[in-house]
Amino acid sequence: MQTIATLKATPRPVRGTRAARKLRQQGLVPAIIYGHNQPNQAVAISRHDIDHIVRVQHSRMITLDLDGQQETVLIREVQWDVFGREIIHVDFQRKSAEEKVRVVVPIELRNSPKQAGGAVLDQPLHTVHVECPLGVIPEAIRVDITNLSVGHPIQVKDLPVPTGVRILEPPEAVVVQLKVPGAAAEAAAAPPGETPTAPEVIKKERKTEETEGDK
């Protein structure tokens, strides 16, 4: 289960690009709180604190302390600068710990296959969408690949998940597998004497809770 972080916030009475720029110069980040049929609340938070929560704690659920009043929120969206280095805006959605949410959770591979036999590791899925109560969002889904072997991939249905967590991807979707180099090409080769069939050409789909220039 993810760590529940605590974050202090202060009301942000003045909005707009200029006000947001001034906040960032002070080491603060503009943010918005919305949801539960309550008015949107513009706030400012510490850049250092939110950066630590996102990068180090990897927490999605937060206890937000706003002038002594605490409420549970979900980090719904984080906006970064053009270089992807600094957080410049955050959207918080009001939630209760029992309320079900849909979020993206990373997949972490643990250990190495005991018998790779010259095959290479292929991981089609690095994240999965899950539905679960806010209070039990997993930090990550960790998969032991020690016994992974050629021809026996680990599928979504094989993933270990906590009670109350439901993965939304198809159960048969491959998460990780061992592939022998060149095997796919050999299998796809046309039998002798046959003319390969021309491949079919297949042609290739935010919330607006606040409209302001500081995002």
N, C-alpha and C. Protein backbone atom coordinates (compact mmCIF):
# COMPACT_ATOMS: atom_id res chain seq x y z
N MET A 1 0.83 -1.19 0.00
CA MET A 1 0.00 0.00 0.00
C MET A 1 0.87 1.25 0.00
N GLN A 2 0.42 2.25 -0.70
CA GLN A 2 1.20 3.47 -0.78
C GLN A 2 1.24 4.22 0.54
N THR A 3 2.34 4.94 0.75
CA THR A 3 2.48 5.76 1.93
C THR A 3 1.52 6.94 1.87
N ILE A 4 0.86 7.24 3.00
CA ILE A 4 -0.01 8.41 3.06
C ILE A 4 0.83 9.58 3.54
N ALA A 5 1.13 10.49 2.66
CA ALA A 5 1.97 11.64 2.99
C ALA A 5 1.10 12.77 3.53
N THR A 6 1.71 13.67 4.28
CA THR A 6 1.04 14.85 4.79
C THR A 6 1.69 16.08 4.16
N LEU A 7 0.86 16.99 3.70
CA LEU A 7 1.36 18.17 3.00
C LEU A 7 0.60 19.40 3.48
N LYS A 8 1.34 20.45 3.81
CA LYS A 8 0.71 21.70 4.22
C LYS A 8 0.41 22.55 2.99
N ALA A 9 -0.72 23.25 3.03
CA ALA A 9 -1.12 24.13 1.94
C ALA A 9 -1.65 25.43 2.53
N THR A 10 -1.50 26.50 1.77
CA THR A 10 -2.03 27.80 2.18
C THR A 10 -2.93 28.33 1.07
N PRO A 11 -4.00 29.06 1.44
CA PRO A 11 -4.90 29.60 0.41
C PRO A 11 -4.15 30.50 -0.56
N ARG A 12 -4.60 30.48 -1.80
CA ARG A 12 -3.98 31.30 -2.84
C ARG A 12 -5.05 32.23 -3.40
N PRO A 13 -5.20 33.42 -2.80
CA PRO A 13 -6.29 34.32 -3.19
C PRO A 13 -6.11 34.94 -4.58
N VAL A 14 -4.85 35.13 -4.99
CA VAL A 14 -4.58 35.79 -6.27
C VAL A 14 -4.16 34.74 -7.29
N ARG A 15 -4.84 34.72 -8.45
CA ARG A 15 -4.50 33.77 -9.50
C ARG A 15 -3.92 34.50 -10.70
N GLY A 16 -3.53 33.73 -11.70
CA GLY A 16 -2.98 34.31 -12.91
C GLY A 16 -1.50 34.02 -13.07
N THR A 17 -1.02 34.26 -14.27
CA THR A 17 0.37 33.95 -14.62
C THR A 17 1.36 34.69 -13.76
N ARG A 18 1.14 35.98 -13.56
CA ARG A 18 2.09 36.78 -12.78
C ARG A 18 2.16 36.29 -11.33
N ALA A 19 0.99 36.03 -10.73
CA ALA A 19 0.96 35.56 -9.34
C ALA A 19 1.62 34.19 -9.22
N ALA A 20 1.38 33.32 -10.22
CA ALA A 20 1.98 31.99 -10.18
C ALA A 20 3.50 32.07 -10.29
N ARG A 21 3.98 32.97 -11.15
CA ARG A 21 5.43 33.14 -11.30
C ARG A 21 6.06 33.62 -10.00
N LYS A 22 5.37 34.52 -9.31
CA LYS A 22 5.88 35.04 -8.04
C LYS A 22 5.95 33.93 -6.99
N LEU A 23 4.93 33.06 -6.98
CA LEU A 23 4.94 31.94 -6.04
C LEU A 23 6.12 31.02 -6.29
N ARG A 24 6.37 30.73 -7.55
CA ARG A 24 7.47 29.82 -7.89
C ARG A 24 8.82 30.41 -7.52
N GLN A 25 8.95 31.72 -7.60
CA GLN A 25 10.19 32.37 -7.19
C GLN A 25 10.41 32.26 -5.69
N GLN A 26 9.33 32.02 -4.95
CA GLN A 26 9.41 31.86 -3.49
C GLN A 26 9.53 30.40 -3.07
N GLY A 27 9.70 29.51 -4.05
CA GLY A 27 9.84 28.09 -3.75
C GLY A 27 8.51 27.40 -3.53
N LEU A 28 7.42 28.01 -4.00
CA LEU A 28 6.09 27.44 -3.85
C LEU A 28 5.55 26.99 -5.21
N VAL A 29 4.53 26.14 -5.17
CA VAL A 29 3.89 25.65 -6.38
C VAL A 29 2.39 25.92 -6.28
N PRO A 30 1.80 26.54 -7.29
CA PRO A 30 0.34 26.72 -7.29
C PRO A 30 -0.36 25.39 -7.50
N ALA A 31 -1.50 25.23 -6.83
CA ALA A 31 -2.26 23.98 -6.94
C ALA A 31 -3.75 24.29 -6.83
N ILE A 32 -4.56 23.31 -7.18
CA ILE A 32 -6.01 23.44 -7.09
C ILE A 32 -6.57 22.20 -6.42
N ILE A 33 -7.55 22.38 -5.55
CA ILE A 33 -8.26 21.27 -4.90
C ILE A 33 -9.69 21.29 -5.43
N TYR A 34 -10.19 20.15 -5.88
CA TYR A 34 -11.56 20.11 -6.41
C TYR A 34 -12.22 18.78 -6.03
N GLY A 35 -13.52 18.71 -6.26
CA GLY A 35 -14.23 17.46 -6.05
C GLY A 35 -15.17 17.47 -4.87
N HIS A 36 -15.97 16.39 -4.75
CA HIS A 36 -16.96 16.19 -3.69
C HIS A 36 -17.99 17.30 -3.64
N ASN A 37 -18.31 17.87 -4.80
CA ASN A 37 -19.33 18.91 -4.91
C ASN A 37 -19.04 20.13 -4.03
N GLN A 38 -17.77 20.37 -3.78
CA GLN A 38 -17.35 21.54 -3.03
C GLN A 38 -16.67 22.52 -3.98
N PRO A 39 -16.64 23.80 -3.61
CA PRO A 39 -15.99 24.79 -4.48
C PRO A 39 -14.51 24.48 -4.68
N ASN A 40 -13.99 24.83 -5.84
CA ASN A 40 -12.56 24.69 -6.09
C ASN A 40 -11.80 25.59 -5.13
N GLN A 41 -10.67 25.09 -4.63
CA GLN A 41 -9.85 25.87 -3.71
C GLN A 41 -8.45 26.00 -4.28
N ALA A 42 -8.05 27.24 -4.61
CA ALA A 42 -6.69 27.49 -5.09
C ALA A 42 -5.75 27.60 -3.89
N VAL A 43 -4.66 26.86 -3.94
CA VAL A 43 -3.71 26.84 -2.82
C VAL A 43 -2.28 26.92 -3.34
N ALA A 44 -1.37 27.12 -2.39
CA ALA A 44 0.07 27.09 -2.69
C ALA A 44 0.70 26.04 -1.78
N ILE A 45 1.65 25.29 -2.31
CA ILE A 45 2.33 24.25 -1.54
C ILE A 45 3.85 24.37 -1.74
N SER A 46 4.60 23.77 -0.83
CA SER A 46 6.05 23.82 -0.92
C SER A 46 6.54 22.96 -2.08
N ARG A 47 7.38 23.55 -2.95
CA ARG A 47 7.93 22.78 -4.06
C ARG A 47 8.79 21.62 -3.54
N HIS A 48 9.58 21.89 -2.52
CA HIS A 48 10.44 20.85 -1.95
C HIS A 48 9.61 19.68 -1.43
N ASP A 49 8.52 19.99 -0.71
CA ASP A 49 7.71 18.93 -0.10
C ASP A 49 6.98 18.10 -1.16
N ILE A 50 6.37 18.75 -2.13
CA ILE A 50 5.63 18.00 -3.14
C ILE A 50 6.59 17.21 -4.03
N ASP A 51 7.78 17.76 -4.29
CA ASP A 51 8.77 17.03 -5.08
C ASP A 51 9.20 15.76 -4.36
N HIS A 52 9.38 15.85 -3.04
CA HIS A 52 9.78 14.68 -2.25
C HIS A 52 8.67 13.63 -2.25
N ILE A 53 7.43 14.08 -2.13
CA ILE A 53 6.29 13.15 -2.13
C ILE A 53 6.18 12.41 -3.46
N VAL A 54 6.36 13.14 -4.55
CA VAL A 54 6.20 12.54 -5.88
C VAL A 54 7.39 11.67 -6.27
N ARG A 55 8.60 12.19 -6.06
CA ARG A 55 9.80 11.48 -6.54
C ARG A 55 10.32 10.42 -5.59
N VAL A 56 10.22 10.66 -4.28
CA VAL A 56 10.82 9.76 -3.29
C VAL A 56 9.79 8.84 -2.65
N GLN A 57 8.71 9.41 -2.14
CA GLN A 57 7.69 8.61 -1.48
C GLN A 57 6.76 7.90 -2.47
N HIS A 58 6.68 8.43 -3.67
CA HIS A 58 5.81 7.86 -4.71
C HIS A 58 4.37 7.73 -4.20
N SER A 59 3.94 8.71 -3.42
CA SER A 59 2.60 8.67 -2.84
C SER A 59 1.60 9.35 -3.75
N ARG A 60 0.44 8.75 -3.91
CA ARG A 60 -0.65 9.36 -4.67
C ARG A 60 -1.71 9.93 -3.73
N MET A 61 -1.84 9.32 -2.55
CA MET A 61 -2.82 9.79 -1.58
C MET A 61 -2.13 10.68 -0.56
N ILE A 62 -2.76 11.81 -0.26
CA ILE A 62 -2.16 12.79 0.63
C ILE A 62 -3.17 13.29 1.66
N THR A 63 -2.70 13.50 2.88
CA THR A 63 -3.50 14.22 3.86
C THR A 63 -3.08 15.68 3.75
N LEU A 64 -3.97 16.49 3.21
CA LEU A 64 -3.66 17.90 2.96
C LEU A 64 -4.10 18.73 4.16
N ASP A 65 -3.16 19.48 4.72
CA ASP A 65 -3.43 20.34 5.88
C ASP A 65 -3.57 21.77 5.39
N LEU A 66 -4.79 22.26 5.38
CA LEU A 66 -5.07 23.61 4.91
C LEU A 66 -5.58 24.44 6.07
N ASP A 67 -4.70 25.28 6.62
CA ASP A 67 -5.05 26.12 7.76
C ASP A 67 -5.63 25.31 8.92
N GLY A 68 -5.01 24.18 9.20
CA GLY A 68 -5.45 23.36 10.33
C GLY A 68 -6.56 22.38 9.99
N GLN A 69 -7.20 22.53 8.84
CA GLN A 69 -8.24 21.60 8.42
C GLN A 69 -7.62 20.54 7.51
N GLN A 70 -7.82 19.27 7.86
CA GLN A 70 -7.22 18.20 7.09
C GLN A 70 -8.26 17.46 6.25
N GLU A 71 -7.88 17.12 5.04
CA GLU A 71 -8.74 16.30 4.20
C GLU A 71 -7.88 15.41 3.31
N THR A 72 -8.46 14.29 2.92
CA THR A 72 -7.76 13.33 2.08
C THR A 72 -7.94 13.71 0.61
N VAL A 73 -6.84 13.76 -0.11
CA VAL A 73 -6.89 14.10 -1.53
C VAL A 73 -6.03 13.13 -2.32
N LEU A 74 -6.32 13.05 -3.59
CA LEU A 74 -5.54 12.22 -4.52
C LEU A 74 -4.81 13.15 -5.47
N ILE A 75 -3.54 12.90 -5.70
CA ILE A 75 -2.80 13.67 -6.71
C ILE A 75 -3.32 13.21 -8.06
N ARG A 76 -4.13 14.06 -8.70
CA ARG A 76 -4.74 13.67 -9.96
C ARG A 76 -3.88 14.04 -11.16
N GLU A 77 -3.16 15.17 -11.07
CA GLU A 77 -2.31 15.56 -12.20
C GLU A 77 -1.15 16.41 -11.70
N VAL A 78 0.03 16.14 -12.23
CA VAL A 78 1.23 16.93 -11.93
C VAL A 78 1.75 17.50 -13.24
N GLN A 79 1.96 18.82 -13.26
CA GLN A 79 2.52 19.45 -14.45
C GLN A 79 3.98 19.84 -14.18
N TRP A 80 4.84 19.57 -15.17
CA TRP A 80 6.27 19.84 -15.05
C TRP A 80 6.66 20.96 -16.00
N ASP A 81 7.85 21.54 -15.76
CA ASP A 81 8.35 22.54 -16.68
C ASP A 81 8.78 21.85 -17.98
N VAL A 82 9.16 22.65 -18.96
CA VAL A 82 9.48 22.08 -20.28
C VAL A 82 10.64 21.11 -20.26
N PHE A 83 11.48 21.19 -19.24
CA PHE A 83 12.63 20.29 -19.14
C PHE A 83 12.31 19.06 -18.28
N GLY A 84 11.12 19.02 -17.68
CA GLY A 84 10.73 17.89 -16.86
C GLY A 84 11.47 17.82 -15.54
N ARG A 85 11.98 18.96 -15.08
CA ARG A 85 12.78 18.97 -13.85
C ARG A 85 12.00 19.47 -12.64
N GLU A 86 11.17 20.49 -12.83
CA GLU A 86 10.47 21.10 -11.70
C GLU A 86 8.96 21.01 -11.87
N ILE A 87 8.28 20.75 -10.75
CA ILE A 87 6.82 20.73 -10.74
C ILE A 87 6.32 22.18 -10.76
N ILE A 88 5.39 22.47 -11.66
CA ILE A 88 4.89 23.85 -11.77
C ILE A 88 3.41 23.97 -11.41
N HIS A 89 2.69 22.86 -11.30
CA HIS A 89 1.28 22.91 -10.91
C HIS A 89 0.80 21.52 -10.53
N VAL A 90 -0.12 21.45 -9.56
CA VAL A 90 -0.66 20.16 -9.13
C VAL A 90 -2.17 20.26 -8.98
N ASP A 91 -2.86 19.22 -9.43
CA ASP A 91 -4.30 19.10 -9.22
C ASP A 91 -4.54 18.06 -8.14
N PHE A 92 -5.30 18.44 -7.11
CA PHE A 92 -5.68 17.51 -6.04
C PHE A 92 -7.19 17.26 -6.13
N GLN A 93 -7.60 16.01 -6.02
CA GLN A 93 -9.01 15.68 -6.03
C GLN A 93 -9.43 15.15 -4.66
N ARG A 94 -10.46 15.75 -4.07
CA ARG A 94 -10.94 15.32 -2.76
C ARG A 94 -11.48 13.89 -2.85
N LYS A 95 -11.07 13.07 -1.87
CA LYS A 95 -11.51 11.68 -1.83
C LYS A 95 -11.64 11.23 -0.39
N SER A 96 -12.28 10.07 -0.20
CA SER A 96 -12.28 9.42 1.10
C SER A 96 -11.45 8.15 0.96
N ALA A 97 -10.91 7.66 2.06
CA ALA A 97 -10.02 6.50 2.01
C ALA A 97 -10.74 5.27 1.47
N GLU A 98 -12.07 5.20 1.63
CA GLU A 98 -12.82 4.03 1.18
C GLU A 98 -13.30 4.17 -0.26
N GLU A 99 -13.23 5.37 -0.81
CA GLU A 99 -13.74 5.61 -2.15
C GLU A 99 -12.87 4.94 -3.21
N LYS A 100 -13.52 4.29 -4.18
CA LYS A 100 -12.77 3.62 -5.23
C LYS A 100 -12.28 4.61 -6.27
N VAL A 101 -11.05 4.40 -6.70
CA VAL A 101 -10.45 5.25 -7.73
C VAL A 101 -9.79 4.37 -8.77
N ARG A 102 -9.51 4.97 -9.94
CA ARG A 102 -8.76 4.28 -10.98
C ARG A 102 -7.46 5.01 -11.20
N VAL A 103 -6.35 4.31 -11.04
CA VAL A 103 -5.03 4.92 -11.16
C VAL A 103 -4.10 3.98 -11.92
N VAL A 104 -2.96 4.54 -12.35
CA VAL A 104 -1.93 3.75 -13.03
C VAL A 104 -0.86 3.36 -12.03
N VAL A 105 -0.51 2.08 -12.01
CA VAL A 105 0.48 1.56 -11.06
C VAL A 105 1.63 0.93 -11.83
N PRO A 106 2.88 1.24 -11.46
CA PRO A 106 4.02 0.64 -12.17
C PRO A 106 4.23 -0.83 -11.84
N ILE A 107 4.83 -1.56 -12.79
CA ILE A 107 5.19 -2.96 -12.57
C ILE A 107 6.70 -3.03 -12.37
N GLU A 108 7.13 -3.64 -11.29
CA GLU A 108 8.57 -3.77 -11.00
C GLU A 108 8.97 -5.25 -11.07
N LEU A 109 10.00 -5.54 -11.88
CA LEU A 109 10.50 -6.90 -11.99
C LEU A 109 11.57 -7.14 -10.93
N ARG A 110 11.50 -8.30 -10.29
CA ARG A 110 12.46 -8.65 -9.26
C ARG A 110 13.22 -9.91 -9.65
N ASN A 111 14.53 -9.91 -9.36
CA ASN A 111 15.43 -11.04 -9.63
C ASN A 111 15.64 -11.24 -11.13
N SER A 112 16.25 -12.36 -11.50
CA SER A 112 16.54 -12.68 -12.91
C SER A 112 16.16 -14.12 -13.18
N PRO A 113 15.80 -14.44 -14.43
CA PRO A 113 15.45 -15.83 -14.75
C PRO A 113 16.63 -16.77 -14.50
N LYS A 114 16.35 -17.94 -13.92
CA LYS A 114 17.42 -18.90 -13.63
C LYS A 114 17.94 -19.56 -14.90
N GLN A 115 17.04 -19.77 -15.87
CA GLN A 115 17.44 -20.45 -17.10
C GLN A 115 16.91 -19.67 -18.31
N ALA A 116 17.69 -18.70 -18.73
CA ALA A 116 17.26 -17.89 -19.88
C ALA A 116 17.53 -18.63 -21.19
N GLY A 117 18.56 -19.47 -21.22
CA GLY A 117 18.86 -20.26 -22.41
C GLY A 117 19.12 -19.43 -23.65
N GLY A 118 19.77 -18.27 -23.48
CA GLY A 118 20.07 -17.43 -24.63
C GLY A 118 18.93 -16.51 -25.04
N ALA A 119 17.79 -16.62 -24.37
CA ALA A 119 16.64 -15.76 -24.68
C ALA A 119 16.82 -14.39 -24.03
N VAL A 120 16.09 -13.41 -24.57
CA VAL A 120 16.17 -12.05 -24.03
C VAL A 120 14.85 -11.70 -23.36
N LEU A 121 14.93 -10.84 -22.38
CA LEU A 121 13.75 -10.43 -21.62
C LEU A 121 12.96 -9.39 -22.40
N ASP A 122 11.66 -9.61 -22.49
CA ASP A 122 10.77 -8.69 -23.19
C ASP A 122 9.61 -8.35 -22.25
N GLN A 123 9.42 -7.06 -21.99
CA GLN A 123 8.36 -6.62 -21.07
C GLN A 123 7.39 -5.68 -21.79
N PRO A 124 6.32 -6.22 -22.37
CA PRO A 124 5.34 -5.37 -23.07
C PRO A 124 4.60 -4.41 -22.16
N LEU A 125 4.37 -4.80 -20.90
CA LEU A 125 3.63 -3.95 -19.96
C LEU A 125 4.54 -3.47 -18.84
N HIS A 126 4.64 -2.15 -18.71
CA HIS A 126 5.42 -1.55 -17.61
C HIS A 126 4.52 -0.94 -16.55
N THR A 127 3.27 -0.71 -16.88
CA THR A 127 2.28 -0.18 -15.93
C THR A 127 0.94 -0.87 -16.20
N VAL A 128 0.08 -0.83 -15.21
CA VAL A 128 -1.29 -1.32 -15.38
C VAL A 128 -2.26 -0.34 -14.73
N HIS A 129 -3.47 -0.32 -15.26
CA HIS A 129 -4.54 0.48 -14.65
C HIS A 129 -5.24 -0.39 -13.61
N VAL A 130 -5.44 0.16 -12.43
CA VAL A 130 -6.12 -0.60 -11.38
C VAL A 130 -7.29 0.20 -10.83
N GLU A 131 -8.24 -0.51 -10.28
CA GLU A 131 -9.36 0.10 -9.56
C GLU A 131 -9.35 -0.45 -8.15
N CYS A 132 -9.37 0.44 -7.16
CA CYS A 132 -9.31 0.00 -5.77
C CYS A 132 -9.68 1.16 -4.85
N PRO A 133 -9.97 0.87 -3.58
CA PRO A 133 -10.20 1.96 -2.63
C PRO A 133 -8.94 2.82 -2.52
N LEU A 134 -9.14 4.10 -2.31
CA LEU A 134 -8.01 5.03 -2.24
C LEU A 134 -6.99 4.60 -1.20
N GLY A 135 -7.47 4.03 -0.10
CA GLY A 135 -6.57 3.67 0.99
C GLY A 135 -5.70 2.47 0.75
N VAL A 136 -5.91 1.74 -0.35
CA VAL A 136 -5.09 0.54 -0.60
C VAL A 136 -4.40 0.59 -1.96
N ILE A 137 -4.19 1.78 -2.51
CA ILE A 137 -3.47 1.88 -3.78
C ILE A 137 -2.07 1.31 -3.62
N PRO A 138 -1.69 0.29 -4.39
CA PRO A 138 -0.34 -0.26 -4.25
C PRO A 138 0.70 0.71 -4.81
N GLU A 139 1.85 0.78 -4.15
CA GLU A 139 2.94 1.62 -4.63
C GLU A 139 3.45 1.11 -5.96
N ALA A 140 3.49 -0.23 -6.08
CA ALA A 140 3.91 -0.89 -7.32
C ALA A 140 3.47 -2.34 -7.24
N ILE A 141 3.40 -2.98 -8.40
CA ILE A 141 3.13 -4.42 -8.44
C ILE A 141 4.45 -5.10 -8.76
N ARG A 142 4.95 -5.87 -7.80
CA ARG A 142 6.28 -6.46 -7.92
C ARG A 142 6.17 -7.92 -8.38
N VAL A 143 6.94 -8.24 -9.42
CA VAL A 143 6.84 -9.56 -10.04
C VAL A 143 8.18 -10.28 -9.95
N ASP A 144 8.18 -11.47 -9.35
CA ASP A 144 9.38 -12.30 -9.27
C ASP A 144 9.51 -13.09 -10.57
N ILE A 145 10.59 -12.85 -11.31
CA ILE A 145 10.77 -13.55 -12.60
C ILE A 145 11.82 -14.65 -12.53
N THR A 146 12.13 -15.11 -11.32
CA THR A 146 13.15 -16.15 -11.15
C THR A 146 12.83 -17.39 -11.98
N ASN A 147 11.57 -17.81 -12.01
CA ASN A 147 11.20 -19.03 -12.71
C ASN A 147 10.64 -18.78 -14.11
N LEU A 148 10.82 -17.60 -14.64
CA LEU A 148 10.35 -17.30 -15.99
C LEU A 148 11.12 -18.14 -17.00
N SER A 149 10.41 -18.73 -17.96
CA SER A 149 11.07 -19.56 -18.96
C SER A 149 10.46 -19.30 -20.33
N VAL A 150 11.18 -19.72 -21.37
CA VAL A 150 10.73 -19.53 -22.74
C VAL A 150 9.41 -20.28 -22.96
N GLY A 151 8.45 -19.61 -23.55
CA GLY A 151 7.17 -20.24 -23.83
C GLY A 151 6.17 -20.17 -22.69
N HIS A 152 6.59 -19.62 -21.56
CA HIS A 152 5.69 -19.50 -20.41
C HIS A 152 5.73 -18.07 -19.87
N PRO A 153 5.09 -17.14 -20.57
CA PRO A 153 5.10 -15.74 -20.14
C PRO A 153 4.29 -15.52 -18.86
N ILE A 154 4.57 -14.42 -18.21
CA ILE A 154 3.75 -13.99 -17.07
C ILE A 154 2.69 -13.05 -17.61
N GLN A 155 1.43 -13.38 -17.36
CA GLN A 155 0.33 -12.59 -17.86
C GLN A 155 -0.31 -11.76 -16.75
N VAL A 156 -1.20 -10.87 -17.14
CA VAL A 156 -1.87 -10.01 -16.16
C VAL A 156 -2.55 -10.84 -15.07
N LYS A 157 -3.17 -11.93 -15.48
CA LYS A 157 -3.87 -12.79 -14.50
C LYS A 157 -2.93 -13.41 -13.48
N ASP A 158 -1.62 -13.42 -13.75
CA ASP A 158 -0.64 -14.00 -12.83
C ASP A 158 -0.10 -12.98 -11.83
N LEU A 159 -0.42 -11.72 -12.00
CA LEU A 159 0.16 -10.68 -11.15
C LEU A 159 -0.37 -10.76 -9.72
N PRO A 160 0.53 -10.60 -8.75
CA PRO A 160 0.09 -10.59 -7.35
C PRO A 160 -0.43 -9.21 -6.98
N VAL A 161 -1.68 -9.14 -6.56
CA VAL A 161 -2.27 -7.85 -6.18
C VAL A 161 -2.89 -7.94 -4.79
N PRO A 162 -2.88 -6.84 -4.04
CA PRO A 162 -3.48 -6.85 -2.71
C PRO A 162 -5.00 -7.06 -2.78
N THR A 163 -5.58 -7.47 -1.69
CA THR A 163 -7.03 -7.63 -1.61
C THR A 163 -7.72 -6.29 -1.88
N GLY A 164 -8.72 -6.33 -2.72
CA GLY A 164 -9.46 -5.11 -3.03
C GLY A 164 -8.98 -4.39 -4.26
N VAL A 165 -7.87 -4.86 -4.85
CA VAL A 165 -7.30 -4.23 -6.04
C VAL A 165 -7.67 -5.04 -7.28
N ARG A 166 -8.23 -4.37 -8.29
CA ARG A 166 -8.61 -5.04 -9.53
C ARG A 166 -7.87 -4.43 -10.71
N ILE A 167 -7.16 -5.27 -11.46
CA ILE A 167 -6.44 -4.79 -12.64
C ILE A 167 -7.41 -4.73 -13.81
N LEU A 168 -7.36 -3.63 -14.57
CA LEU A 168 -8.31 -3.41 -15.64
C LEU A 168 -7.85 -3.92 -17.01
N GLU A 169 -6.57 -4.24 -17.15
CA GLU A 169 -6.08 -4.79 -18.42
C GLU A 169 -6.62 -6.22 -18.63
N PRO A 170 -6.70 -6.69 -19.88
CA PRO A 170 -7.17 -8.06 -20.15
C PRO A 170 -6.32 -9.09 -19.42
N PRO A 171 -6.94 -10.11 -18.82
CA PRO A 171 -6.21 -11.12 -18.04
C PRO A 171 -5.13 -11.83 -18.84
N GLU A 172 -5.34 -12.00 -20.16
CA GLU A 172 -4.37 -12.75 -20.97
C GLU A 172 -3.24 -11.87 -21.51
N ALA A 173 -3.27 -10.58 -21.25
CA ALA A 173 -2.21 -9.69 -21.75
C ALA A 173 -0.87 -10.09 -21.15
N VAL A 174 0.18 -10.11 -21.99
CA VAL A 174 1.51 -10.52 -21.54
C VAL A 174 2.20 -9.35 -20.83
N VAL A 175 2.70 -9.63 -19.65
CA VAL A 175 3.43 -8.63 -18.88
C VAL A 175 4.92 -8.73 -19.17
N VAL A 176 5.45 -9.93 -19.08
CA VAL A 176 6.88 -10.15 -19.33
C VAL A 176 7.08 -11.57 -19.84
N GLN A 177 8.08 -11.72 -20.74
CA GLN A 177 8.34 -13.02 -21.32
C GLN A 177 9.80 -13.12 -21.75
N LEU A 178 10.22 -14.33 -22.05
CA LEU A 178 11.55 -14.57 -22.62
C LEU A 178 11.37 -14.90 -24.09
N LYS A 179 12.12 -14.20 -24.95
CA LYS A 179 12.02 -14.42 -26.39
C LYS A 179 13.38 -14.81 -26.94
N VAL A 180 13.40 -15.84 -27.79
CA VAL A 180 14.63 -16.28 -28.42
C VAL A 180 14.86 -15.43 -29.66
N PRO A 181 16.01 -14.75 -29.75
CA PRO A 181 16.29 -13.90 -30.92
C PRO A 181 16.17 -14.68 -32.22
N GLY A 182 15.45 -14.12 -33.18
CA GLY A 182 15.30 -14.74 -34.49
C GLY A 182 14.16 -15.72 -34.58
N ALA A 183 13.62 -16.17 -33.46
CA ALA A 183 12.55 -17.18 -33.50
C ALA A 183 11.29 -16.63 -34.13
N ALA A 184 10.98 -15.39 -33.82
CA ALA A 184 9.75 -14.79 -34.36
C ALA A 184 9.85 -14.64 -35.87
N ALA A 185 11.05 -14.25 -36.34
CA ALA A 185 11.24 -14.07 -37.78
C ALA A 185 11.13 -15.40 -38.52
N GLU A 186 11.67 -16.47 -37.94
CA GLU A 186 11.60 -17.78 -38.57
C GLU A 186 10.17 -18.28 -38.64
N ALA A 187 9.41 -18.04 -37.57
CA ALA A 187 8.02 -18.50 -37.52
C ALA A 187 7.17 -17.77 -38.54
N ALA A 188 7.54 -16.51 -38.80
CA ALA A 188 6.75 -15.70 -39.72
C ALA A 188 7.12 -15.92 -41.18
N ALA A 189 8.25 -16.60 -41.42
CA ALA A 189 8.70 -16.80 -42.79
C ALA A 189 7.73 -17.69 -43.56
N ALA A 190 7.48 -17.37 -44.83
CA ALA A 190 6.55 -18.15 -45.64
C ALA A 190 7.19 -19.49 -46.02
N PRO A 191 6.40 -20.56 -46.15
CA PRO A 191 6.94 -21.88 -46.56
C PRO A 191 7.54 -21.79 -47.96
N PRO A 192 8.49 -22.67 -48.28
CA PRO A 192 9.12 -22.65 -49.60
C PRO A 192 8.09 -22.75 -50.71
N GLY A 193 8.25 -21.93 -51.74
CA GLY A 193 7.37 -22.00 -52.88
C GLY A 193 6.16 -21.09 -52.78
N GLU A 194 5.91 -20.54 -51.61
CA GLU A 194 4.77 -19.65 -51.45
C GLU A 194 5.21 -18.21 -51.56
N THR A 195 4.36 -17.38 -52.10
CA THR A 195 4.64 -15.96 -52.21
C THR A 195 4.08 -15.27 -50.98
N PRO A 196 4.91 -14.57 -50.26
CA PRO A 196 4.41 -13.91 -49.06
C PRO A 196 3.27 -12.97 -49.39
N THR A 197 2.27 -12.94 -48.52
CA THR A 197 1.13 -12.05 -48.70
C THR A 197 1.52 -10.65 -48.28
N ALA A 198 1.13 -9.66 -49.07
CA ALA A 198 1.44 -8.26 -48.73
C ALA A 198 0.78 -7.90 -47.42
N PRO A 199 1.48 -7.20 -46.57
CA PRO A 199 0.91 -6.86 -45.26
C PRO A 199 -0.27 -5.91 -45.42
N GLU A 200 -1.24 -6.08 -44.54
CA GLU A 200 -2.40 -5.19 -44.54
C GLU A 200 -2.00 -3.85 -43.96
N VAL A 201 -2.40 -2.77 -44.60
CA VAL A 201 -2.09 -1.44 -44.11
C VAL A 201 -3.20 -0.99 -43.18
N ILE A 202 -2.86 -0.75 -41.95
CA ILE A 202 -3.84 -0.32 -40.96
C ILE A 202 -3.61 1.14 -40.62
N LYS A 203 -4.62 1.95 -40.80
CA LYS A 203 -4.50 3.37 -40.46
C LYS A 203 -4.82 3.58 -38.97
N LYS A 204 -3.93 4.35 -38.40
CA LYS A 204 -4.08 4.64 -36.97
C LYS A 204 -5.23 5.71 -36.75
N GLU A 205 -6.79 8.08 -31.15
CA GLU A 205 -7.65 8.89 -30.23
C GLU A 205 -6.63 9.32 -29.17
N ARG A 206 -8.54 17.06 -19.88
CA ARG A 206 -8.11 17.21 -18.49
C ARG A 206 -9.23 17.93 -17.87
N LYS A 207 -9.29 17.22 -17.38
CA LYS A 207 -10.26 17.92 -16.59
C LYS A 207 -10.05 19.40 -16.74
N THR A 208 -11.13 20.16 -16.86
CA THR A 208 -11.00 21.61 -16.86
C THR A 208 -11.76 22.11 -15.65
N GLU A 209 -11.09 22.03 -14.54
CA GLU A 209 -11.71 22.49 -13.30
C GLU A 209 -11.38 23.95 -13.07
N GLU A 210 -10.30 24.41 -13.71
CA GLU A 210 -9.87 25.77 -13.48
C GLU A 210 -9.23 26.27 -14.76
N THR A 211 -9.65 27.41 -15.23
CA THR A 211 -9.06 27.96 -16.43
C THR A 211 -8.31 29.20 -16.02
N GLU A 212 -6.98 29.06 -16.05
CA GLU A 212 -6.16 30.20 -15.70
C GLU A 212 -4.80 30.02 -16.34
N GLY A 213 -4.04 31.08 -16.34
CA GLY A 213 -2.77 31.03 -17.06
C GLY A 213 -1.63 30.49 -16.27
N ASP A 214 -1.86 30.02 -15.03
CA ASP A 214 -0.73 29.58 -14.25
C ASP A 214 -0.47 28.11 -14.40
N LYS A 215 -1.18 27.45 -15.30
CA LYS A 215 -0.89 26.03 -15.52
C LYS A 215 0.06 25.89 -16.68
